[in-house]
Amino acid sequence: MVKGKKLTKKEELKIKAKESARKFKLELKKSASTAIVAAFGFIIALAWRDVIVEYVKKIEELSPIKGNLISAIIITIVSVTGILIVTKIFSKSK
């Protein structure tokens, strides 16, 4: 009802359609922004890949542990730290 006037079925459907379109547009924007941020994150990861590989090789030369184990440990520590930081940032924004 709008100001004491009962809406017709057609008017109700029109209002529901507009609301549904608004929600769809909002979700589309959220999804698009998430995809764009993920793409930028992937580009950043590729940019840092060579630097990380170089330093891991230097650490492997000094370490008694050879092979991919040291790489996996370092990457895991960095990744988990990044996940924790991002989780805290986004949980504060909600």
C-alpha atoms as a PDB file:
ATOM      1  CA  MET A   1       0.000   0.000   0.000  1.00  0.00           C
ATOM      2  CA  VAL A   2       1.178   3.471  -0.825  1.00  0.00           C
ATOM      3  CA  LYS A   3      -0.312   6.209   1.370  1.00  0.00           C
ATOM      4  CA  GLY A   4      -3.533   4.343   2.057  1.00  0.00           C
ATOM      5  CA  LYS A   5      -4.005   3.231  -1.546  1.00  0.00           C
ATOM      6  CA  LYS A   6      -4.110  -0.462  -2.289  1.00  0.00           C
ATOM      7  CA  LEU A   7      -1.754  -1.488  -5.091  1.00  0.00           C
ATOM      8  CA  THR A   8      -2.936  -3.459  -8.065  1.00  0.00           C
ATOM      9  CA  LYS A   9      -1.357  -6.795  -8.911  1.00  0.00           C
ATOM     10  CA  LYS A  10       0.475  -5.160 -11.829  1.00  0.00           C
ATOM     11  CA  GLU A  11       1.902  -2.416  -9.588  1.00  0.00           C
ATOM     12  CA  GLU A  12       3.024  -4.984  -7.005  1.00  0.00           C
ATOM     13  CA  LEU A  13       4.798  -6.999  -9.704  1.00  0.00           C
ATOM     14  CA  LYS A  14       6.457  -3.857 -11.033  1.00  0.00           C
ATOM     15  CA  ILE A  15       7.776  -2.976  -7.558  1.00  0.00           C
ATOM     16  CA  LYS A  16       9.023  -6.540  -7.017  1.00  0.00           C
ATOM     17  CA  ALA A  17      10.725  -6.529 -10.437  1.00  0.00           C
ATOM     18  CA  LYS A  18      12.488  -3.237  -9.667  1.00  0.00           C
ATOM     19  CA  GLU A  19      13.656  -4.554  -6.291  1.00  0.00           C
ATOM     20  CA  SER A  20      14.853  -7.787  -7.865  1.00  0.00           C
ATOM     21  CA  ALA A  21      16.742  -5.852 -10.564  1.00  0.00           C
ATOM     22  CA  ARG A  22      18.328  -3.645  -7.893  1.00  0.00           C
ATOM     23  CA  LYS A  23      19.495  -6.695  -5.910  1.00  0.00           C
ATOM     24  CA  PHE A  24      20.824  -8.336  -9.077  1.00  0.00           C
ATOM     25  CA  LYS A  25      22.760  -5.194 -10.014  1.00  0.00           C
ATOM     26  CA  LEU A  26      24.266  -5.028  -6.511  1.00  0.00           C
ATOM     27  CA  GLU A  27      25.326  -8.699  -6.621  1.00  0.00           C
ATOM     28  CA  LEU A  28      26.763  -8.237 -10.101  1.00  0.00           C
ATOM     29  CA  LYS A  29      28.869  -5.304  -8.873  1.00  0.00           C
ATOM     30  CA  LYS A  30      30.077  -7.338  -5.883  1.00  0.00           C
ATOM     31  CA  SER A  31      31.004 -10.299  -8.081  1.00  0.00           C
ATOM     32  CA  ALA A  32      32.748  -8.133 -10.654  1.00  0.00           C
ATOM     33  CA  SER A  33      34.761  -6.300  -8.009  1.00  0.00           C
ATOM     34  CA  THR A  34      35.748  -9.603  -6.388  1.00  0.00           C
ATOM     35  CA  ALA A  35      36.913 -10.973  -9.742  1.00  0.00           C
ATOM     36  CA  ILE A  36      38.904  -7.824 -10.494  1.00  0.00           C
ATOM     37  CA  VAL A  37      40.567  -7.856  -7.066  1.00  0.00           C
ATOM     38  CA  ALA A  38      41.424 -11.538  -7.526  1.00  0.00           C
ATOM     39  CA  ALA A  39      42.960 -10.774 -10.930  1.00  0.00           C
ATOM     40  CA  PHE A  40      45.101  -8.007  -9.441  1.00  0.00           C
ATOM     41  CA  GLY A  41      46.146 -10.364  -6.659  1.00  0.00           C
ATOM     42  CA  PHE A  42      47.188 -12.938  -9.239  1.00  0.00           C
ATOM     43  CA  ILE A  43      49.230 -10.323 -11.115  1.00  0.00           C
ATOM     44  CA  ILE A  44      50.936  -9.301  -7.867  1.00  0.00           C
ATOM     45  CA  ALA A  45      51.710 -12.942  -7.080  1.00  0.00           C
ATOM     46  CA  LEU A  46      53.269 -13.411 -10.515  1.00  0.00           C
ATOM     47  CA  ALA A  47      55.361 -10.280 -10.058  1.00  0.00           C
ATOM     48  CA  TRP A  48      56.723 -11.507  -6.731  1.00  0.00           C
ATOM     49  CA  ARG A  49      57.203 -15.123  -7.862  1.00  0.00           C
ATOM     50  CA  ASP A  50      60.710 -14.659  -9.277  1.00  0.00           C
ATOM     51  CA  VAL A  51      61.858 -12.683  -6.246  1.00  0.00           C
ATOM     52  CA  ILE A  52      60.561 -15.335  -3.867  1.00  0.00           C
ATOM     53  CA  VAL A  53      62.098 -18.176  -5.881  1.00  0.00           C
ATOM     54  CA  GLU A  54      65.486 -16.419  -5.863  1.00  0.00           C
ATOM     55  CA  TYR A  55      65.497 -15.924  -2.084  1.00  0.00           C
ATOM     56  CA  VAL A  56      64.234 -19.441  -1.415  1.00  0.00           C
ATOM     57  CA  LYS A  57      67.108 -20.829  -3.500  1.00  0.00           C
ATOM     58  CA  LYS A  58      69.574 -18.813  -1.404  1.00  0.00           C
ATOM     59  CA  ILE A  59      67.995 -20.120   1.801  1.00  0.00           C
ATOM     60  CA  GLU A  60      68.085 -23.697   0.435  1.00  0.00           C
ATOM     61  CA  GLU A  61      71.825 -23.364  -0.225  1.00  0.00           C
ATOM     62  CA  LEU A  62      72.413 -22.463   3.437  1.00  0.00           C
ATOM     63  CA  SER A  63      69.947 -24.978   4.839  1.00  0.00           C
ATOM     64  CA  PRO A  64      70.717 -28.627   5.539  1.00  0.00           C
ATOM     65  CA  ILE A  65      67.227 -29.407   4.214  1.00  0.00           C
ATOM     66  CA  LYS A  66      67.351 -29.580   0.426  1.00  0.00           C
ATOM     67  CA  GLY A  67      64.631 -29.755  -2.160  1.00  0.00           C
ATOM     68  CA  ASN A  68      61.109 -28.402  -2.207  1.00  0.00           C
ATOM     69  CA  LEU A  69      60.450 -28.897   1.508  1.00  0.00           C
ATOM     70  CA  ILE A  70      61.976 -25.560   2.522  1.00  0.00           C
ATOM     71  CA  SER A  71      60.054 -23.813  -0.292  1.00  0.00           C
ATOM     72  CA  ALA A  72      56.780 -25.355   0.839  1.00  0.00           C
ATOM     73  CA  ILE A  73      57.384 -24.344   4.462  1.00  0.00           C
ATOM     74  CA  ILE A  74      58.225 -20.730   3.589  1.00  0.00           C
ATOM     75  CA  ILE A  75      55.303 -20.372   1.181  1.00  0.00           C
ATOM     76  CA  THR A  76      52.923 -21.886   3.728  1.00  0.00           C
ATOM     77  CA  ILE A  77      54.053 -19.498   6.471  1.00  0.00           C
ATOM     78  CA  VAL A  78      53.725 -16.448   4.195  1.00  0.00           C
ATOM     79  CA  SER A  79      50.340 -17.578   2.872  1.00  0.00           C
ATOM     80  CA  VAL A  80      48.833 -18.341   6.274  1.00  0.00           C
ATOM     81  CA  THR A  81      50.069 -14.987   7.593  1.00  0.00           C
ATOM     82  CA  GLY A  82      48.468 -13.231   4.613  1.00  0.00           C
ATOM     83  CA  ILE A  83      45.193 -15.080   5.124  1.00  0.00           C
ATOM     84  CA  LEU A  84      45.109 -14.123   8.817  1.00  0.00           C
ATOM     85  CA  ILE A  85      45.785 -10.460   8.045  1.00  0.00           C
ATOM     86  CA  VAL A  86      43.122 -10.285   5.324  1.00  0.00           C
ATOM     87  CA  THR A  87      40.599 -12.089   7.524  1.00  0.00           C
ATOM     88  CA  LYS A  88      41.140  -9.606  10.358  1.00  0.00           C
ATOM     89  CA  ILE A  89      40.820  -6.625   7.995  1.00  0.00           C
ATOM     90  CA  PHE A  90      37.536  -7.858   6.507  1.00  0.00           C
ATOM     91  CA  SER A  91      36.063  -8.951   9.836  1.00  0.00           C
ATOM     92  CA  LYS A  92      36.596  -5.439  11.220  1.00  0.00           C
ATOM     93  CA  SER A  93      34.811  -3.867   8.249  1.00  0.00           C
ATOM     94  CA  LYS A  94      31.629  -5.877   8.940  1.00  0.00           C
END
